Amino acid sequence: MCWASNRNTTRREDLAYCLMGLFDVNMPLLYGEGEKAFIRLQEEIVRQSADQSIFSWVDKAGTDTTYRGLFARSPSEFSGCRDVCPVYGGSTLSRGKGAHYSLTNLGLKIPLRIQYVGKSNLCIANLDGVVKRSGRLIGIYLRYFSETGDQYARVRTNELAKLGTSLNGDWITRDNIYA
């Protein structure tokens, strides 16, 4: 996805449409939808792939209080993620459990390995991806905001969580995270 991060098109939706063949997805062309086309593209990609690196985007204009979903608004949000690559193999959550994502009215339902930060509702979700050069695992920051603790939003969108080369500490697997 980072390959397209500096691409310019006449229409914003053409950024998504020109990537359909690259990701081998089909979706209707709806001119006039703007950035929604890119979100639809990502939804189609996760229907076919368990590659969690699609969630490793950074919104440079984001803040600690910005609440977002798991999908990027534009390919430009992948510009700083050239060194992120997916981890394949049975030891990772998505491959070991055969992760299934589904789009619901509550958001994307996804199993993730999370670790809470202190005694707050902030947590780090480990993505099945690493930074190529360092071998460090990556994650994203989430905040839960429902009574049942299963609805989350992405926060601190201006950074990825840089983890060690292995998961240490109190990581728990949540099978039903909605974001």
N, C-alpha and C. Protein backbone atom coordinates (compact mmCIF):
# COMPACT_ATOMS: atom_id res chain seq x y z
N MET A 1 0.83 -1.19 0.00
CA MET A 1 0.00 0.00 0.00
C MET A 1 0.87 1.26 0.00
N CYS A 2 2.04 1.17 0.63
CA CYS A 2 2.90 2.35 0.67
C CYS A 2 3.38 2.76 -0.71
N TRP A 3 3.38 1.82 -1.65
CA TRP A 3 3.77 2.14 -3.02
C TRP A 3 2.89 3.26 -3.59
N ALA A 4 1.63 3.26 -3.22
CA ALA A 4 0.69 4.25 -3.76
C ALA A 4 0.60 5.51 -2.91
N SER A 5 1.39 5.61 -1.85
CA SER A 5 1.23 6.71 -0.91
C SER A 5 1.52 8.08 -1.50
N ASN A 6 2.33 8.16 -2.53
CA ASN A 6 2.64 9.46 -3.14
C ASN A 6 1.98 9.66 -4.49
N ARG A 7 1.07 8.79 -4.83
CA ARG A 7 0.36 8.88 -6.11
C ARG A 7 -0.65 10.01 -6.10
N ASN A 8 -0.80 10.66 -7.22
CA ASN A 8 -1.81 11.71 -7.37
C ASN A 8 -2.75 11.33 -8.50
N THR A 9 -4.01 11.59 -8.29
CA THR A 9 -5.02 11.33 -9.32
C THR A 9 -5.93 12.54 -9.41
N THR A 10 -6.66 12.64 -10.50
CA THR A 10 -7.58 13.75 -10.69
C THR A 10 -8.69 13.70 -9.65
N ARG A 11 -9.26 12.53 -9.47
CA ARG A 11 -10.32 12.35 -8.48
C ARG A 11 -9.78 11.53 -7.31
N ARG A 12 -10.23 11.86 -6.11
CA ARG A 12 -9.75 11.14 -4.92
C ARG A 12 -10.09 9.66 -4.98
N GLU A 13 -11.27 9.32 -5.51
CA GLU A 13 -11.66 7.91 -5.57
C GLU A 13 -10.80 7.10 -6.54
N ASP A 14 -10.17 7.77 -7.51
CA ASP A 14 -9.32 7.05 -8.46
C ASP A 14 -8.09 6.45 -7.77
N LEU A 15 -7.68 7.01 -6.63
CA LEU A 15 -6.59 6.41 -5.86
C LEU A 15 -6.94 4.99 -5.46
N ALA A 16 -8.18 4.77 -5.08
CA ALA A 16 -8.63 3.42 -4.70
C ALA A 16 -8.82 2.56 -5.93
N TYR A 17 -9.44 3.11 -6.94
CA TYR A 17 -9.78 2.31 -8.12
C TYR A 17 -8.54 1.80 -8.85
N CYS A 18 -7.45 2.58 -8.85
CA CYS A 18 -6.24 2.14 -9.54
C CYS A 18 -5.52 1.02 -8.78
N LEU A 19 -5.90 0.77 -7.54
CA LEU A 19 -5.27 -0.29 -6.75
C LEU A 19 -6.04 -1.60 -6.75
N MET A 20 -7.23 -1.60 -7.33
CA MET A 20 -8.07 -2.80 -7.30
C MET A 20 -7.36 -4.00 -7.93
N GLY A 21 -6.74 -3.82 -9.07
CA GLY A 21 -6.06 -4.92 -9.73
C GLY A 21 -4.84 -5.40 -8.96
N LEU A 22 -4.14 -4.46 -8.35
CA LEU A 22 -2.95 -4.80 -7.57
C LEU A 22 -3.29 -5.73 -6.41
N PHE A 23 -4.44 -5.51 -5.79
CA PHE A 23 -4.86 -6.33 -4.65
C PHE A 23 -5.86 -7.41 -5.06
N ASP A 24 -6.12 -7.52 -6.35
CA ASP A 24 -7.01 -8.55 -6.89
C ASP A 24 -8.39 -8.52 -6.23
N VAL A 25 -8.96 -7.32 -6.15
CA VAL A 25 -10.32 -7.17 -5.61
C VAL A 25 -11.20 -6.50 -6.66
N ASN A 26 -12.47 -6.78 -6.55
CA ASN A 26 -13.46 -6.16 -7.43
C ASN A 26 -14.45 -5.39 -6.58
N MET A 27 -14.82 -4.24 -7.06
CA MET A 27 -15.86 -3.45 -6.40
C MET A 27 -16.39 -2.46 -7.43
N PRO A 28 -17.63 -2.03 -7.26
CA PRO A 28 -18.19 -1.08 -8.22
C PRO A 28 -17.52 0.28 -8.13
N LEU A 29 -17.41 0.95 -9.25
CA LEU A 29 -16.87 2.31 -9.30
C LEU A 29 -18.02 3.27 -9.05
N LEU A 30 -17.89 4.06 -8.01
CA LEU A 30 -18.94 5.02 -7.65
C LEU A 30 -18.32 6.42 -7.63
N TYR A 31 -18.31 7.06 -8.77
CA TYR A 31 -17.69 8.38 -8.83
C TYR A 31 -18.47 9.38 -8.01
N GLY A 32 -17.72 10.20 -7.28
CA GLY A 32 -18.32 11.19 -6.40
C GLY A 32 -18.24 10.79 -4.94
N GLU A 33 -17.77 9.56 -4.64
CA GLU A 33 -17.73 9.11 -3.25
C GLU A 33 -16.47 9.55 -2.51
N GLY A 34 -15.47 10.06 -3.19
CA GLY A 34 -14.28 10.58 -2.54
C GLY A 34 -13.50 9.52 -1.78
N GLU A 35 -13.10 9.86 -0.53
CA GLU A 35 -12.26 8.96 0.26
C GLU A 35 -12.99 7.69 0.70
N LYS A 36 -14.29 7.65 0.60
CA LYS A 36 -15.03 6.42 0.93
C LYS A 36 -14.59 5.26 0.04
N ALA A 37 -14.15 5.57 -1.17
CA ALA A 37 -13.70 4.51 -2.09
C ALA A 37 -12.49 3.79 -1.52
N PHE A 38 -11.60 4.52 -0.88
CA PHE A 38 -10.41 3.89 -0.32
C PHE A 38 -10.77 3.01 0.88
N ILE A 39 -11.72 3.45 1.67
CA ILE A 39 -12.18 2.62 2.79
C ILE A 39 -12.85 1.36 2.26
N ARG A 40 -13.66 1.50 1.21
CA ARG A 40 -14.29 0.31 0.61
C ARG A 40 -13.25 -0.65 0.06
N LEU A 41 -12.18 -0.11 -0.53
CA LEU A 41 -11.11 -0.96 -1.04
C LEU A 41 -10.50 -1.78 0.10
N GLN A 42 -10.21 -1.14 1.22
CA GLN A 42 -9.63 -1.86 2.35
C GLN A 42 -10.59 -2.90 2.91
N GLU A 43 -11.87 -2.59 2.93
CA GLU A 43 -12.86 -3.57 3.37
C GLU A 43 -12.84 -4.80 2.47
N GLU A 44 -12.72 -4.59 1.18
CA GLU A 44 -12.64 -5.71 0.24
C GLU A 44 -11.36 -6.51 0.44
N ILE A 45 -10.27 -5.83 0.71
CA ILE A 45 -8.99 -6.51 0.92
C ILE A 45 -9.07 -7.42 2.15
N VAL A 46 -9.63 -6.92 3.27
CA VAL A 46 -9.68 -7.76 4.48
C VAL A 46 -10.69 -8.89 4.36
N ARG A 47 -11.60 -8.79 3.43
CA ARG A 47 -12.51 -9.92 3.19
C ARG A 47 -11.75 -11.10 2.59
N GLN A 48 -10.62 -10.82 1.95
CA GLN A 48 -9.86 -11.86 1.25
C GLN A 48 -8.52 -12.19 1.89
N SER A 49 -8.08 -11.38 2.83
CA SER A 49 -6.73 -11.56 3.37
C SER A 49 -6.72 -11.32 4.88
N ALA A 50 -5.89 -12.08 5.58
CA ALA A 50 -5.72 -11.88 7.03
C ALA A 50 -4.47 -11.07 7.33
N ASP A 51 -3.89 -10.43 6.33
CA ASP A 51 -2.68 -9.63 6.48
C ASP A 51 -3.01 -8.37 7.27
N GLN A 52 -2.54 -8.32 8.52
CA GLN A 52 -2.86 -7.19 9.39
C GLN A 52 -2.01 -5.96 9.13
N SER A 53 -1.04 -6.04 8.23
CA SER A 53 -0.24 -4.85 7.94
C SER A 53 -1.09 -3.76 7.30
N ILE A 54 -2.28 -4.10 6.84
CA ILE A 54 -3.18 -3.09 6.27
C ILE A 54 -3.62 -2.08 7.34
N PHE A 55 -3.47 -2.44 8.61
CA PHE A 55 -3.85 -1.54 9.70
C PHE A 55 -2.65 -0.72 10.20
N SER A 56 -1.50 -0.84 9.55
CA SER A 56 -0.29 -0.17 10.04
C SER A 56 -0.05 1.16 9.33
N TRP A 57 -1.04 2.01 9.36
CA TRP A 57 -0.94 3.33 8.75
C TRP A 57 -0.74 4.37 9.85
N VAL A 58 -0.30 5.55 9.46
CA VAL A 58 -0.06 6.65 10.40
C VAL A 58 -0.67 7.92 9.83
N ASP A 59 -1.46 8.59 10.66
CA ASP A 59 -2.04 9.89 10.29
C ASP A 59 -1.18 10.96 10.95
N LYS A 60 -0.32 11.59 10.17
CA LYS A 60 0.62 12.57 10.72
C LYS A 60 -0.07 13.74 11.39
N ALA A 61 -1.31 14.02 10.99
CA ALA A 61 -2.06 15.13 11.59
C ALA A 61 -2.87 14.67 12.81
N GLY A 62 -2.84 13.38 13.11
CA GLY A 62 -3.61 12.84 14.22
C GLY A 62 -3.04 13.29 15.56
N THR A 63 -3.87 13.20 16.59
CA THR A 63 -3.46 13.56 17.94
C THR A 63 -3.80 12.42 18.89
N ASP A 64 -3.45 12.60 20.16
CA ASP A 64 -3.78 11.60 21.17
C ASP A 64 -5.28 11.45 21.35
N THR A 65 -6.04 12.47 21.00
CA THR A 65 -7.49 12.43 21.22
C THR A 65 -8.28 12.15 19.94
N THR A 66 -7.58 11.91 18.84
CA THR A 66 -8.27 11.58 17.59
C THR A 66 -8.77 10.15 17.65
N TYR A 67 -10.07 9.95 17.43
CA TYR A 67 -10.65 8.61 17.40
C TYR A 67 -10.90 8.22 15.95
N ARG A 68 -10.40 7.06 15.56
CA ARG A 68 -10.57 6.59 14.20
C ARG A 68 -10.91 5.12 14.21
N GLY A 69 -11.31 4.62 13.06
CA GLY A 69 -11.48 3.18 12.87
C GLY A 69 -10.15 2.56 12.50
N LEU A 70 -10.18 1.33 12.03
CA LEU A 70 -8.94 0.64 11.68
C LEU A 70 -8.45 0.93 10.27
N PHE A 71 -9.30 1.53 9.45
CA PHE A 71 -8.92 1.75 8.06
C PHE A 71 -8.36 3.15 7.84
N ALA A 72 -7.37 3.24 6.96
CA ALA A 72 -6.79 4.52 6.58
C ALA A 72 -7.76 5.28 5.68
N ARG A 73 -7.64 6.59 5.66
CA ARG A 73 -8.49 7.41 4.80
C ARG A 73 -7.91 7.58 3.41
N SER A 74 -6.61 7.37 3.29
CA SER A 74 -5.93 7.63 2.02
C SER A 74 -4.64 6.80 1.97
N PRO A 75 -4.16 6.47 0.78
CA PRO A 75 -2.86 5.78 0.68
C PRO A 75 -1.72 6.60 1.28
N SER A 76 -1.86 7.92 1.33
CA SER A 76 -0.80 8.76 1.89
C SER A 76 -0.51 8.43 3.35
N GLU A 77 -1.46 7.84 4.05
CA GLU A 77 -1.23 7.48 5.45
C GLU A 77 -0.31 6.26 5.59
N PHE A 78 0.03 5.63 4.48
CA PHE A 78 0.98 4.51 4.50
C PHE A 78 2.39 4.95 4.12
N SER A 79 2.61 6.25 3.93
CA SER A 79 3.90 6.72 3.42
C SER A 79 5.07 6.38 4.34
N GLY A 80 4.87 6.33 5.62
CA GLY A 80 5.96 6.02 6.54
C GLY A 80 6.06 4.56 6.91
N CYS A 81 5.39 3.71 6.18
CA CYS A 81 5.30 2.29 6.56
C CYS A 81 5.98 1.37 5.56
N ARG A 82 6.96 1.87 4.85
CA ARG A 82 7.63 1.06 3.83
C ARG A 82 8.34 -0.16 4.41
N ASP A 83 8.80 -0.07 5.64
CA ASP A 83 9.56 -1.17 6.24
C ASP A 83 8.69 -2.17 6.99
N VAL A 84 7.38 -1.97 6.99
CA VAL A 84 6.49 -2.90 7.69
C VAL A 84 6.16 -4.05 6.76
N CYS A 85 6.33 -5.25 7.27
CA CYS A 85 5.95 -6.42 6.47
C CYS A 85 5.20 -7.41 7.35
N PRO A 86 4.30 -8.17 6.75
CA PRO A 86 3.52 -9.13 7.53
C PRO A 86 4.38 -10.28 8.02
N VAL A 87 3.95 -10.88 9.11
CA VAL A 87 4.61 -12.07 9.65
C VAL A 87 3.77 -13.25 9.23
N TYR A 88 4.39 -14.19 8.58
CA TYR A 88 3.67 -15.40 8.17
C TYR A 88 4.19 -16.57 8.99
N GLY A 89 3.31 -17.51 9.25
CA GLY A 89 3.68 -18.71 9.99
C GLY A 89 2.67 -19.02 11.06
N GLY A 90 2.68 -20.25 11.54
CA GLY A 90 1.68 -20.72 12.49
C GLY A 90 1.79 -20.11 13.86
N SER A 91 2.89 -19.41 14.18
CA SER A 91 3.05 -18.88 15.53
C SER A 91 2.30 -17.57 15.74
N THR A 92 1.86 -16.95 14.69
CA THR A 92 1.16 -15.68 14.85
C THR A 92 -0.32 -15.91 15.04
N LEU A 93 -0.98 -14.94 15.61
CA LEU A 93 -2.40 -15.07 15.92
C LEU A 93 -3.23 -15.29 14.67
N SER A 94 -3.01 -14.49 13.65
CA SER A 94 -3.89 -14.59 12.48
C SER A 94 -3.70 -15.89 11.72
N ARG A 95 -2.48 -16.38 11.63
CA ARG A 95 -2.27 -17.61 10.89
C ARG A 95 -2.56 -18.83 11.76
N GLY A 96 -2.20 -18.76 13.04
CA GLY A 96 -2.39 -19.91 13.92
C GLY A 96 -3.85 -20.22 14.18
N LYS A 97 -4.68 -19.20 14.27
CA LYS A 97 -6.09 -19.41 14.57
C LYS A 97 -6.96 -19.30 13.34
N GLY A 98 -6.37 -19.00 12.20
CA GLY A 98 -7.18 -18.82 11.00
C GLY A 98 -8.11 -17.64 11.18
N ALA A 99 -7.54 -16.47 11.44
CA ALA A 99 -8.32 -15.28 11.76
C ALA A 99 -9.39 -15.00 10.72
N HIS A 100 -10.54 -14.68 11.21
CA HIS A 100 -11.65 -14.30 10.35
C HIS A 100 -12.07 -12.90 10.74
N TYR A 101 -12.11 -12.02 9.77
CA TYR A 101 -12.60 -10.67 9.99
C TYR A 101 -14.00 -10.62 9.42
N SER A 102 -14.83 -9.81 10.04
CA SER A 102 -16.15 -9.59 9.44
C SER A 102 -16.56 -8.16 9.69
N LEU A 103 -17.22 -7.58 8.70
CA LEU A 103 -17.73 -6.23 8.82
C LEU A 103 -19.13 -6.30 9.38
N THR A 104 -19.37 -5.59 10.47
CA THR A 104 -20.67 -5.60 11.13
C THR A 104 -21.14 -4.16 11.31
N ASN A 105 -22.34 -4.01 11.85
CA ASN A 105 -22.84 -2.67 12.13
C ASN A 105 -22.08 -2.02 13.30
N LEU A 106 -21.29 -2.79 14.05
CA LEU A 106 -20.47 -2.24 15.13
C LEU A 106 -19.06 -1.90 14.66
N GLY A 107 -18.73 -2.27 13.44
CA GLY A 107 -17.40 -2.04 12.91
C GLY A 107 -16.78 -3.35 12.47
N LEU A 108 -15.49 -3.33 12.25
CA LEU A 108 -14.77 -4.53 11.84
C LEU A 108 -14.59 -5.42 13.06
N LYS A 109 -15.03 -6.66 12.97
CA LYS A 109 -14.84 -7.63 14.05
C LYS A 109 -13.56 -8.39 13.74
N ILE A 110 -12.62 -8.35 14.69
CA ILE A 110 -11.30 -8.91 14.44
C ILE A 110 -10.72 -9.46 15.74
N PRO A 111 -10.05 -10.61 15.68
CA PRO A 111 -9.34 -11.10 16.86
C PRO A 111 -7.97 -10.41 16.93
N LEU A 112 -7.62 -9.90 18.11
CA LEU A 112 -6.33 -9.25 18.28
C LEU A 112 -5.73 -9.62 19.63
N ARG A 113 -4.42 -9.56 19.69
CA ARG A 113 -3.69 -9.75 20.94
C ARG A 113 -3.46 -8.34 21.49
N ILE A 114 -3.91 -8.09 22.72
CA ILE A 114 -3.80 -6.74 23.27
C ILE A 114 -3.12 -6.76 24.64
N GLN A 115 -2.59 -5.60 25.00
CA GLN A 115 -2.01 -5.39 26.32
C GLN A 115 -2.45 -4.01 26.79
N TYR A 116 -3.04 -3.96 27.99
CA TYR A 116 -3.51 -2.68 28.52
C TYR A 116 -2.34 -1.86 29.01
N VAL A 117 -2.45 -0.54 28.85
CA VAL A 117 -1.43 0.39 29.28
C VAL A 117 -1.88 0.94 30.63
N GLY A 118 -1.22 0.51 31.68
CA GLY A 118 -1.60 0.94 33.03
C GLY A 118 -2.99 0.48 33.38
N LYS A 119 -3.70 1.31 34.14
CA LYS A 119 -5.06 0.97 34.56
C LYS A 119 -6.08 1.80 33.80
N SER A 120 -5.78 2.10 32.57
CA SER A 120 -6.68 2.93 31.77
C SER A 120 -7.41 2.05 30.76
N ASN A 121 -8.21 2.69 29.93
CA ASN A 121 -8.88 1.96 28.86
C ASN A 121 -8.08 2.02 27.56
N LEU A 122 -6.82 2.39 27.67
CA LEU A 122 -5.91 2.43 26.52
C LEU A 122 -5.17 1.10 26.45
N CYS A 123 -5.04 0.57 25.25
CA CYS A 123 -4.29 -0.67 25.09
C CYS A 123 -3.51 -0.62 23.78
N ILE A 124 -2.56 -1.52 23.68
CA ILE A 124 -1.80 -1.71 22.45
C ILE A 124 -2.27 -3.03 21.85
N ALA A 125 -2.60 -3.00 20.57
CA ALA A 125 -2.96 -4.22 19.85
C ALA A 125 -1.78 -4.61 18.98
N ASN A 126 -1.29 -5.81 19.18
CA ASN A 126 -0.19 -6.33 18.37
C ASN A 126 -0.71 -6.74 17.00
N LEU A 127 -0.11 -6.19 15.96
CA LEU A 127 -0.44 -6.60 14.60
C LEU A 127 0.56 -7.66 14.18
N ASP A 128 0.15 -8.58 13.36
CA ASP A 128 1.07 -9.62 12.89
C ASP A 128 1.98 -9.03 11.82
N GLY A 129 2.89 -8.17 12.26
CA GLY A 129 3.82 -7.53 11.34
C GLY A 129 5.08 -7.12 12.08
N VAL A 130 6.15 -6.92 11.32
CA VAL A 130 7.42 -6.50 11.89
C VAL A 130 8.01 -5.39 11.04
N VAL A 131 8.93 -4.64 11.66
CA VAL A 131 9.73 -3.67 10.93
C VAL A 131 10.93 -4.44 10.38
N LYS A 132 11.10 -4.43 9.07
CA LYS A 132 12.10 -5.27 8.40
C LYS A 132 13.50 -5.14 9.00
N ARG A 133 13.99 -3.93 9.11
CA ARG A 133 15.38 -3.73 9.52
C ARG A 133 15.66 -4.15 10.95
N SER A 134 14.73 -3.86 11.86
CA SER A 134 14.98 -4.13 13.27
C SER A 134 14.39 -5.44 13.76
N GLY A 135 13.42 -5.97 13.03
CA GLY A 135 12.75 -7.19 13.48
C GLY A 135 11.77 -6.95 14.61
N ARG A 136 11.53 -5.68 14.93
CA ARG A 136 10.61 -5.35 16.02
C ARG A 136 9.17 -5.53 15.57
N LEU A 137 8.35 -6.04 16.47
CA LEU A 137 6.92 -6.18 16.21
C LEU A 137 6.26 -4.81 16.24
N ILE A 138 5.12 -4.71 15.59
CA ILE A 138 4.41 -3.43 15.57
C ILE A 138 3.02 -3.60 16.16
N GLY A 139 2.48 -2.49 16.58
CA GLY A 139 1.13 -2.50 17.12
C GLY A 139 0.48 -1.15 16.89
N ILE A 140 -0.78 -1.07 17.25
CA ILE A 140 -1.52 0.18 17.18
C ILE A 140 -2.17 0.42 18.53
N TYR A 141 -2.46 1.67 18.81
CA TYR A 141 -3.11 2.04 20.06
C TYR A 141 -4.62 2.03 19.88
N LEU A 142 -5.30 1.39 20.82
CA LEU A 142 -6.75 1.33 20.82
C LEU A 142 -7.27 1.79 22.17
N ARG A 143 -8.47 2.32 22.17
CA ARG A 143 -9.15 2.68 23.42
C ARG A 143 -10.53 2.05 23.38
N TYR A 144 -10.86 1.30 24.44
CA TYR A 144 -12.20 0.73 24.46
C TYR A 144 -13.16 1.73 25.07
N PHE A 145 -14.39 1.71 24.58
CA PHE A 145 -15.35 2.70 25.05
C PHE A 145 -16.74 2.14 25.23
N SER A 146 -16.86 0.84 25.37
CA SER A 146 -18.19 0.28 25.62
C SER A 146 -18.20 -0.42 26.97
N GLU A 147 -19.38 -0.57 27.53
CA GLU A 147 -19.53 -1.24 28.82
C GLU A 147 -19.01 -2.67 28.78
N THR A 148 -19.22 -3.34 27.68
CA THR A 148 -18.79 -4.74 27.59
C THR A 148 -17.31 -4.86 27.26
N GLY A 149 -16.67 -3.75 26.88
CA GLY A 149 -15.24 -3.76 26.60
C GLY A 149 -14.87 -4.39 25.27
N ASP A 150 -15.84 -4.51 24.36
CA ASP A 150 -15.50 -5.13 23.08
C ASP A 150 -15.50 -4.13 21.93
N GLN A 151 -15.87 -2.88 22.18
CA GLN A 151 -15.85 -1.86 21.13
C GLN A 151 -14.67 -0.93 21.36
N TYR A 152 -13.85 -0.80 20.32
CA TYR A 152 -12.61 -0.03 20.42
C TYR A 152 -12.54 0.98 19.28
N ALA A 153 -11.73 2.00 19.49
CA ALA A 153 -11.41 2.96 18.43
C ALA A 153 -9.90 3.12 18.40
N ARG A 154 -9.38 3.39 17.24
CA ARG A 154 -7.95 3.63 17.13
C ARG A 154 -7.66 5.04 17.63
N VAL A 155 -6.66 5.17 18.48
CA VAL A 155 -6.21 6.46 19.01
C VAL A 155 -4.70 6.57 18.79
N ARG A 156 -4.17 7.75 19.07
CA ARG A 156 -2.75 8.01 18.83
C ARG A 156 -2.39 7.58 17.40
N THR A 157 -3.21 8.04 16.48
CA THR A 157 -3.07 7.64 15.08
C THR A 157 -1.82 8.21 14.42
N ASN A 158 -1.13 9.10 15.13
CA ASN A 158 0.08 9.70 14.59
C ASN A 158 1.32 8.84 14.82
N GLU A 159 1.13 7.63 15.35
CA GLU A 159 2.27 6.75 15.58
C GLU A 159 1.83 5.28 15.63
N LEU A 160 2.78 4.42 15.33
CA LEU A 160 2.60 2.99 15.55
C LEU A 160 3.28 2.65 16.87
N ALA A 161 2.79 1.66 17.55
CA ALA A 161 3.44 1.20 18.77
C ALA A 161 4.61 0.31 18.37
N LYS A 162 5.79 0.68 18.80
CA LYS A 162 6.99 -0.12 18.50
C LYS A 162 7.19 -1.08 19.68
N LEU A 163 7.13 -2.35 19.38
CA LEU A 163 7.26 -3.37 20.40
C LEU A 163 8.63 -4.02 20.29
N GLY A 164 8.92 -4.96 21.16
CA GLY A 164 10.18 -5.68 21.09
C GLY A 164 10.17 -6.69 19.96
N THR A 165 11.16 -7.56 19.96
CA THR A 165 11.22 -8.60 18.93
C THR A 165 10.37 -9.81 19.30
N SER A 166 9.87 -9.83 20.52
CA SER A 166 8.92 -10.87 20.94
C SER A 166 7.96 -10.24 21.93
N LEU A 167 6.81 -10.88 22.11
CA LEU A 167 5.80 -10.35 23.02
C LEU A 167 6.09 -10.82 24.44
N ASN A 168 6.37 -9.86 25.30
CA ASN A 168 6.59 -10.16 26.72
C ASN A 168 5.55 -9.40 27.52
N GLY A 169 5.16 -9.94 28.64
CA GLY A 169 4.20 -9.23 29.49
C GLY A 169 2.83 -9.85 29.43
N ASP A 170 1.86 -9.05 29.83
CA ASP A 170 0.49 -9.52 29.98
C ASP A 170 -0.34 -9.29 28.73
N TRP A 171 -0.11 -10.05 27.70
CA TRP A 171 -0.88 -9.97 26.47
C TRP A 171 -2.05 -10.93 26.56
N ILE A 172 -3.21 -10.47 26.18
CA ILE A 172 -4.39 -11.34 26.16
C ILE A 172 -4.96 -11.34 24.75
N THR A 173 -5.57 -12.44 24.39
CA THR A 173 -6.19 -12.54 23.08
C THR A 173 -7.66 -12.27 23.22
N ARG A 174 -8.13 -11.27 22.48
CA ARG A 174 -9.56 -10.95 22.44
C ARG A 174 -10.07 -11.39 21.09
N ASP A 175 -11.00 -12.33 21.09
CA ASP A 175 -11.54 -12.85 19.83
C ASP A 175 -12.54 -11.91 19.18
N ASN A 176 -13.17 -11.08 19.98
CA ASN A 176 -14.24 -10.22 19.44
C ASN A 176 -13.97 -8.76 19.74
N ILE A 177 -13.08 -8.17 19.00
CA ILE A 177 -12.86 -6.73 19.09
C ILE A 177 -13.58 -6.10 17.91
N TYR A 178 -14.37 -5.09 18.20
CA TYR A 178 -15.05 -4.34 17.15
C TYR A 178 -14.41 -2.96 17.08
N ALA A 179 -13.96 -2.58 15.91
CA ALA A 179 -13.32 -1.26 15.78
C ALA A 179 -13.78 -0.61 14.49
